Amino acid sequence: MTSRRFLLLGAGLALALAALLVGFNVLMDEFGLYGLRQSPIRIWGYERASKFLLAQRYVPEHFEGLLVGSSSADMLMDTRRLEGYAVYNLSITGGNICEVGRIAREALKRGHIRVLVLSLSPYLTKDCRMKTNELEPGLKNAALGSLFTLRFYQSKLRLLAHPEGDSFRDSWYGFQYDIPLPVEQRGGARERPASADNPVDPEAARNLAELVQEARARGVRVLAFFHPLLHPEKNGTYPEPYLRQMRSLLAGIDQLWDFNDGTFPQLTGDAACFFDGAHLSAKGAGLVLAEIGRRLDATVGRDPAQAKAFGRQP
């Protein structure tokens, strides 16, 4: 065999393998990018990248609402409990508004999104640091076959082999189960309030304002709430400068309420509603979701046709 024929054969095999890899990823359609999946899609790890890809097509085609926040809105906030509404939880563990906002804007560009619900806490706006460089348009091409897809399938196989460690085991609507904390933190630790001197990072504030502005420009109803804390009357709630700045940034939205203003004692006064003072237990998440549902009823209204079209259950 001549060197020329050898090179041609090698190139042909490489192209065939690449085509096979691309075809496999399209057929699997793990992120709903190609409209081939006829069943609900769950998350298998790499939450940021996965939700960014799901927001390209799957979320806006199958859901009518978005819940956006950091880990306090991510863990145990199962939005399937919002009966009559198909709301996807785009919150991210450890995420800030610059990350979750970028993902949410992808979903707002397309589909039938008609409501955006923001879970507010100082962590969401304390900085604007991107914790991954994957939240870019090029990730869609990487999903066809790359080191990213290799890592993704490694994570999927690992969770299939060890389901006891799968915090996304029921993530059809995007949420996670709680992540165990050290015993010494349970019942005592809580999210630290933002600095009274600099309650919100300026870049984070700009990103939050832009997300709300884009949503409203598209006719999306915007609701927001200050995430509950355990015993705010004893431990202190979020600093007043933070509350003032957030209320100013969100002036004009459809609904804004504070779970820590003393009107929700059944939630903020019950340690069983939290597993670390800020992150909710299943009981606390249920109470928060029930209030979100009441606010949606008053602001948006249930649309059975929408819920049937986009609220597919696994």
Protein backbone atom coordinates (compact mmCIF):
# COMPACT_ATOMS: atom_id res chain seq x y z
CA MET A 1 0.00 0.00 0.00
CA THR A 2 1.38 3.38 -0.99
CA SER A 3 1.66 6.18 1.52
CA ARG A 4 -0.97 8.14 -0.43
CA ARG A 5 -3.47 5.30 -0.24
CA PHE A 6 -2.67 4.83 3.43
CA LEU A 7 -3.36 8.51 4.13
CA LEU A 8 -6.60 8.41 2.16
CA LEU A 9 -7.72 5.29 4.00
CA GLY A 10 -6.88 6.86 7.35
CA ALA A 11 -8.75 10.03 6.48
CA GLY A 12 -11.75 8.02 5.32
CA LEU A 13 -11.83 6.01 8.54
CA ALA A 14 -11.53 9.18 10.61
CA LEU A 15 -14.43 10.76 8.73
CA ALA A 16 -16.51 7.62 9.13
CA LEU A 17 -15.85 7.53 12.87
CA ALA A 18 -16.69 11.22 13.18
CA ALA A 19 -19.94 10.71 11.24
CA LEU A 20 -20.78 7.73 13.45
CA LEU A 21 -20.14 9.77 16.59
CA VAL A 22 -22.25 12.69 15.36
CA GLY A 23 -25.04 10.34 14.31
CA PHE A 24 -25.02 8.64 17.71
CA ASN A 25 -25.29 11.95 19.59
CA VAL A 26 -28.06 13.21 17.32
CA LEU A 27 -29.98 9.97 17.76
CA MET A 28 -29.58 10.02 21.54
CA ASP A 29 -30.53 13.74 21.63
CA GLU A 30 -29.67 13.96 25.33
CA PHE A 31 -30.47 17.71 25.42
CA GLY A 32 -33.47 17.88 23.10
CA LEU A 33 -31.53 19.93 20.54
CA TYR A 34 -32.89 18.08 17.51
CA GLY A 35 -36.49 17.39 18.50
CA LEU A 36 -36.05 13.62 18.29
CA ARG A 37 -36.78 12.78 21.92
CA GLN A 38 -40.42 11.89 22.47
CA SER A 39 -40.01 11.45 26.23
CA PRO A 40 -39.06 13.87 29.03
CA ILE A 41 -35.36 14.56 29.49
CA ARG A 42 -33.52 14.45 32.80
CA ILE A 43 -30.09 15.73 33.82
CA TRP A 44 -27.10 13.42 34.24
CA GLY A 45 -24.57 15.90 35.60
CA TYR A 46 -22.76 19.03 34.39
CA GLU A 47 -25.78 21.05 35.45
CA ARG A 48 -24.69 24.39 33.98
CA ALA A 49 -23.86 23.05 30.53
CA SER A 50 -26.85 20.69 30.50
CA LYS A 51 -29.35 23.41 31.35
CA PHE A 52 -27.76 25.77 28.82
CA LEU A 53 -28.29 23.15 26.10
CA LEU A 54 -31.79 22.23 27.31
CA ALA A 55 -32.70 25.93 27.16
CA GLN A 56 -31.94 26.04 23.43
CA ARG A 57 -35.03 24.10 22.41
CA TYR A 58 -36.33 21.54 24.88
CA VAL A 59 -37.34 23.91 27.71
CA PRO A 60 -39.01 26.63 25.61
CA GLU A 61 -40.87 24.04 23.51
CA HIS A 62 -42.21 22.04 26.46
CA PHE A 63 -42.61 24.54 29.29
CA GLU A 64 -44.41 27.83 29.78
CA GLY A 65 -42.48 29.17 32.78
CA LEU A 66 -39.00 29.40 34.28
CA LEU A 67 -37.83 29.41 37.90
CA VAL A 68 -34.43 31.10 38.19
CA GLY A 69 -32.19 31.26 41.25
CA SER A 70 -29.14 29.80 42.97
CA SER A 71 -28.93 26.53 44.92
CA SER A 72 -31.58 27.66 47.42
CA ALA A 73 -34.10 27.50 44.54
CA ASP A 74 -32.55 24.45 42.92
CA MET A 75 -32.61 21.80 45.62
CA LEU A 76 -35.99 20.16 46.27
CA MET A 77 -37.93 22.87 44.41
CA ASP A 78 -39.88 20.40 42.29
CA THR A 79 -42.02 22.65 40.09
CA ARG A 80 -44.22 19.74 39.06
CA ARG A 81 -46.04 20.63 42.28
CA LEU A 82 -47.27 23.84 40.60
CA GLU A 83 -50.40 22.11 39.35
CA GLY A 84 -51.74 23.62 36.17
CA TYR A 85 -48.42 25.26 35.28
CA ALA A 86 -45.48 23.79 33.38
CA VAL A 87 -42.54 25.60 35.00
CA TYR A 88 -38.96 24.42 34.49
CA ASN A 89 -36.42 24.98 37.26
CA LEU A 90 -33.39 26.60 35.59
CA SER A 91 -31.73 27.39 38.92
CA ILE A 92 -28.12 26.28 39.41
CA THR A 93 -26.31 25.09 42.50
CA GLY A 94 -23.70 27.73 43.27
CA GLY A 95 -24.98 29.85 40.40
CA ASN A 96 -25.12 33.62 40.15
CA ILE A 97 -27.38 35.81 38.04
CA CYS A 98 -24.79 36.14 35.29
CA GLU A 99 -24.78 32.37 34.80
CA VAL A 100 -28.47 31.59 35.30
CA GLY A 101 -29.45 34.77 33.47
CA ARG A 102 -27.50 33.72 30.40
CA ILE A 103 -29.26 30.36 30.42
CA ALA A 104 -32.70 31.90 30.99
CA ARG A 105 -32.24 34.34 28.10
CA GLU A 106 -31.64 31.38 25.77
CA ALA A 107 -35.05 29.98 26.74
CA LEU A 108 -36.75 33.37 26.47
CA LYS A 109 -35.62 33.74 22.85
CA ARG A 110 -37.75 30.81 21.74
CA GLY A 111 -40.90 28.88 22.41
CA HIS A 112 -43.86 29.75 24.60
CA ILE A 113 -42.42 31.10 27.86
CA ARG A 114 -45.01 33.32 29.51
CA VAL A 115 -43.80 33.63 33.11
CA LEU A 116 -40.43 34.12 34.83
CA VAL A 117 -40.12 33.51 38.58
CA LEU A 118 -37.00 34.85 40.33
CA SER A 119 -35.75 33.50 43.66
CA LEU A 120 -33.74 36.33 45.23
CA SER A 121 -30.91 35.95 47.72
CA PRO A 122 -27.64 37.83 48.20
CA TYR A 123 -25.69 34.89 46.80
CA LEU A 124 -27.39 35.32 43.43
CA THR A 125 -26.04 38.85 42.97
CA LYS A 126 -22.86 38.91 45.07
CA ASP A 127 -20.61 38.55 42.03
CA CYS A 128 -20.67 37.94 38.29
CA ARG A 129 -17.95 35.30 37.98
CA MET A 130 -18.63 32.63 35.37
CA LYS A 131 -17.72 29.26 36.90
CA THR A 132 -17.44 27.55 33.51
CA ASN A 133 -16.47 28.65 30.01
CA GLU A 134 -19.01 26.30 28.42
CA LEU A 135 -22.04 28.62 28.40
CA GLU A 136 -21.39 29.76 24.85
CA PRO A 137 -23.08 29.04 21.48
CA GLY A 138 -20.22 26.70 20.56
CA LEU A 139 -21.47 24.23 23.16
CA LYS A 140 -24.23 23.20 20.74
CA ASN A 141 -21.58 21.97 18.31
CA ALA A 142 -19.67 20.29 21.15
CA ALA A 143 -22.81 18.29 21.95
CA LEU A 144 -22.38 16.51 18.62
CA GLY A 145 -19.14 14.93 19.80
CA SER A 146 -16.30 16.29 21.93
CA LEU A 147 -14.56 15.94 25.25
CA PHE A 148 -17.69 17.44 26.77
CA THR A 149 -19.89 14.60 25.49
CA LEU A 150 -17.30 12.08 26.66
CA ARG A 151 -17.41 13.55 30.17
CA PHE A 152 -21.21 13.69 30.02
CA TYR A 153 -21.56 9.99 29.18
CA GLN A 154 -19.00 9.10 31.85
CA SER A 155 -21.20 10.93 34.36
CA LYS A 156 -24.33 9.20 33.06
CA LEU A 157 -22.77 5.75 33.29
CA ARG A 158 -21.47 6.50 36.78
CA LEU A 159 -24.94 7.53 38.00
CA LEU A 160 -26.55 4.53 36.35
CA ALA A 161 -24.08 2.29 38.16
CA HIS A 162 -24.43 4.12 41.50
CA PRO A 163 -27.95 5.59 41.66
CA GLU A 164 -27.62 6.18 45.40
CA GLY A 165 -25.42 9.21 44.61
CA ASP A 166 -27.73 10.63 41.94
CA SER A 167 -29.03 14.03 43.10
CA PHE A 168 -30.69 14.50 39.69
CA ARG A 169 -32.61 11.23 39.80
CA ASP A 170 -35.96 12.97 39.37
CA SER A 171 -34.83 16.08 37.47
CA TRP A 172 -37.46 16.03 34.74
CA TYR A 173 -38.37 19.59 35.70
CA GLY A 174 -34.79 20.59 36.48
CA PHE A 175 -34.55 20.43 40.28
CA GLN A 176 -32.06 18.55 42.46
CA TYR A 177 -32.44 16.65 45.69
CA ASP A 178 -30.67 18.04 48.74
CA ILE A 179 -26.93 17.59 49.04
CA PRO A 180 -25.94 16.21 52.48
CA LEU A 181 -24.09 18.66 54.71
CA PRO A 182 -21.77 17.93 57.64
CA VAL A 183 -23.71 17.15 60.81
CA GLU A 184 -22.32 20.22 62.58
CA GLN A 185 -23.88 22.47 59.91
CA ARG A 186 -27.38 21.04 59.99
CA GLY A 187 -29.95 23.27 61.63
CA GLY A 188 -27.48 26.07 62.31
CA ALA A 189 -25.71 27.34 59.21
CA ARG A 190 -27.51 29.71 56.91
CA GLU A 191 -26.70 31.84 53.95
CA ARG A 192 -24.65 34.85 55.01
CA PRO A 193 -26.27 38.19 54.25
CA ALA A 194 -24.63 40.43 51.69
CA SER A 195 -22.39 43.25 52.88
CA ALA A 196 -24.39 46.26 53.98
CA ASP A 197 -21.84 48.47 52.25
CA ASN A 198 -21.94 46.71 48.89
CA PRO A 199 -25.07 44.56 48.80
CA VAL A 200 -25.10 43.84 45.06
CA ASP A 201 -22.26 43.54 42.56
CA PRO A 202 -22.74 46.23 39.84
CA GLU A 203 -22.29 43.76 36.98
CA ALA A 204 -24.71 41.35 38.60
CA ALA A 205 -27.23 44.17 39.02
CA ARG A 206 -26.94 45.01 35.34
CA ASN A 207 -27.46 41.37 34.35
CA LEU A 208 -30.54 41.08 36.55
CA ALA A 209 -32.02 44.28 35.12
CA GLU A 210 -31.34 43.11 31.55
CA LEU A 211 -32.97 39.73 32.17
CA VAL A 212 -36.11 41.36 33.55
CA GLN A 213 -36.15 43.93 30.75
CA GLU A 214 -35.85 41.24 28.07
CA ALA A 215 -38.57 39.14 29.67
CA ARG A 216 -40.99 42.07 29.87
CA ALA A 217 -40.19 43.14 26.30
CA ARG A 218 -41.32 39.67 25.18
CA GLY A 219 -44.58 39.91 27.12
CA VAL A 220 -43.41 37.53 29.86
CA ARG A 221 -44.91 38.12 33.31
CA VAL A 222 -42.23 38.49 36.00
CA LEU A 223 -42.64 37.42 39.64
CA ALA A 224 -39.90 37.53 42.29
CA PHE A 225 -39.53 36.68 45.96
CA PHE A 226 -36.88 37.03 48.64
CA HIS A 227 -35.92 33.49 49.58
CA PRO A 228 -36.97 32.48 53.12
CA LEU A 229 -34.53 32.13 56.01
CA LEU A 230 -35.02 30.26 59.27
CA HIS A 231 -36.04 32.54 62.17
CA PRO A 232 -35.24 35.85 60.45
CA GLU A 233 -36.65 37.68 63.49
CA LYS A 234 -33.84 36.15 65.59
CA ASN A 235 -30.96 35.71 63.16
CA GLY A 236 -31.64 38.75 61.01
CA THR A 237 -32.84 38.78 57.44
CA TYR A 238 -31.12 40.28 54.41
CA PRO A 239 -29.57 43.74 54.94
CA GLU A 240 -31.88 46.67 54.28
CA PRO A 241 -29.51 48.18 51.63
CA TYR A 242 -29.75 44.90 49.72
CA LEU A 243 -33.54 44.84 49.97
CA ARG A 244 -33.82 48.46 48.86
CA GLN A 245 -31.54 47.97 45.88
CA MET A 246 -33.35 44.85 44.73
CA ARG A 247 -36.75 46.50 45.06
CA SER A 248 -35.45 49.42 43.00
CA LEU A 249 -34.03 47.12 40.31
CA LEU A 250 -37.29 45.18 40.10
CA ALA A 251 -39.69 48.11 40.26
CA GLY A 252 -42.61 47.54 37.92
CA ILE A 253 -42.60 43.74 37.82
CA ASP A 254 -45.86 41.89 38.32
CA GLN A 255 -45.25 40.51 41.83
CA LEU A 256 -42.50 40.95 44.45
CA TRP A 257 -42.82 39.55 47.97
CA ASP A 258 -40.59 38.78 50.95
CA PHE A 259 -40.95 35.47 52.78
CA ASN A 260 -39.06 37.03 55.71
CA ASP A 261 -41.44 39.94 56.42
CA GLY A 262 -43.26 38.16 59.25
CA THR A 263 -46.29 37.02 57.26
CA PHE A 264 -45.06 33.44 56.70
CA PRO A 265 -44.32 32.17 60.26
CA GLN A 266 -45.43 28.65 59.33
CA LEU A 267 -42.41 28.60 56.99
CA THR A 268 -39.68 30.79 58.51
CA GLY A 269 -40.48 29.79 62.10
CA ASP A 270 -40.31 26.04 61.55
CA ALA A 271 -36.88 24.38 61.55
CA ALA A 272 -38.41 21.37 59.79
CA CYS A 273 -38.82 23.56 56.70
CA PHE A 274 -35.04 23.85 56.28
CA PHE A 275 -32.10 21.53 56.30
CA ASP A 276 -29.43 24.16 56.91
CA GLY A 277 -31.24 27.39 57.73
CA ALA A 278 -31.47 28.67 54.15
CA HIS A 279 -31.84 25.65 51.88
CA LEU A 280 -35.32 24.22 52.08
CA SER A 281 -36.46 20.78 53.14
CA ALA A 282 -39.23 19.02 51.23
CA LYS A 283 -41.74 20.56 53.65
CA GLY A 284 -40.38 24.07 53.17
CA ALA A 285 -40.16 23.70 49.41
CA GLY A 286 -43.81 22.63 49.37
CA LEU A 287 -44.87 25.77 51.24
CA VAL A 288 -42.83 28.03 48.95
CA LEU A 289 -44.23 26.36 45.83
CA ALA A 290 -47.77 26.66 47.18
CA GLU A 291 -47.30 30.42 47.58
CA ILE A 292 -45.78 30.69 44.10
CA GLY A 293 -48.85 28.86 42.79
CA ARG A 294 -51.18 31.33 44.50
CA ARG A 295 -49.24 34.25 43.06
CA LEU A 296 -49.34 32.69 39.59
CA ASP A 297 -53.09 32.24 39.90
CA ALA A 298 -53.48 35.93 40.76
CA THR A 299 -51.11 37.21 38.10
CA VAL A 300 -50.94 34.78 35.19
CA GLY A 301 -53.87 32.42 35.49
CA ARG A 302 -53.92 28.75 34.69
CA ASP A 303 -54.10 27.82 31.04
CA PRO A 304 -55.10 24.14 30.78
CA ALA A 305 -54.22 24.04 27.10
CA GLN A 306 -50.71 25.35 27.77
CA ALA A 307 -50.17 23.02 30.71
CA LYS A 308 -51.31 20.03 28.68
CA ALA A 309 -49.09 20.95 25.76
CA PHE A 310 -45.91 21.67 27.71
CA GLY A 311 -46.27 19.88 31.03
CA ARG A 312 -45.34 16.36 30.03
CA GLN A 313 -44.85 14.06 32.99
CA PRO A 314 -42.20 11.33 32.95
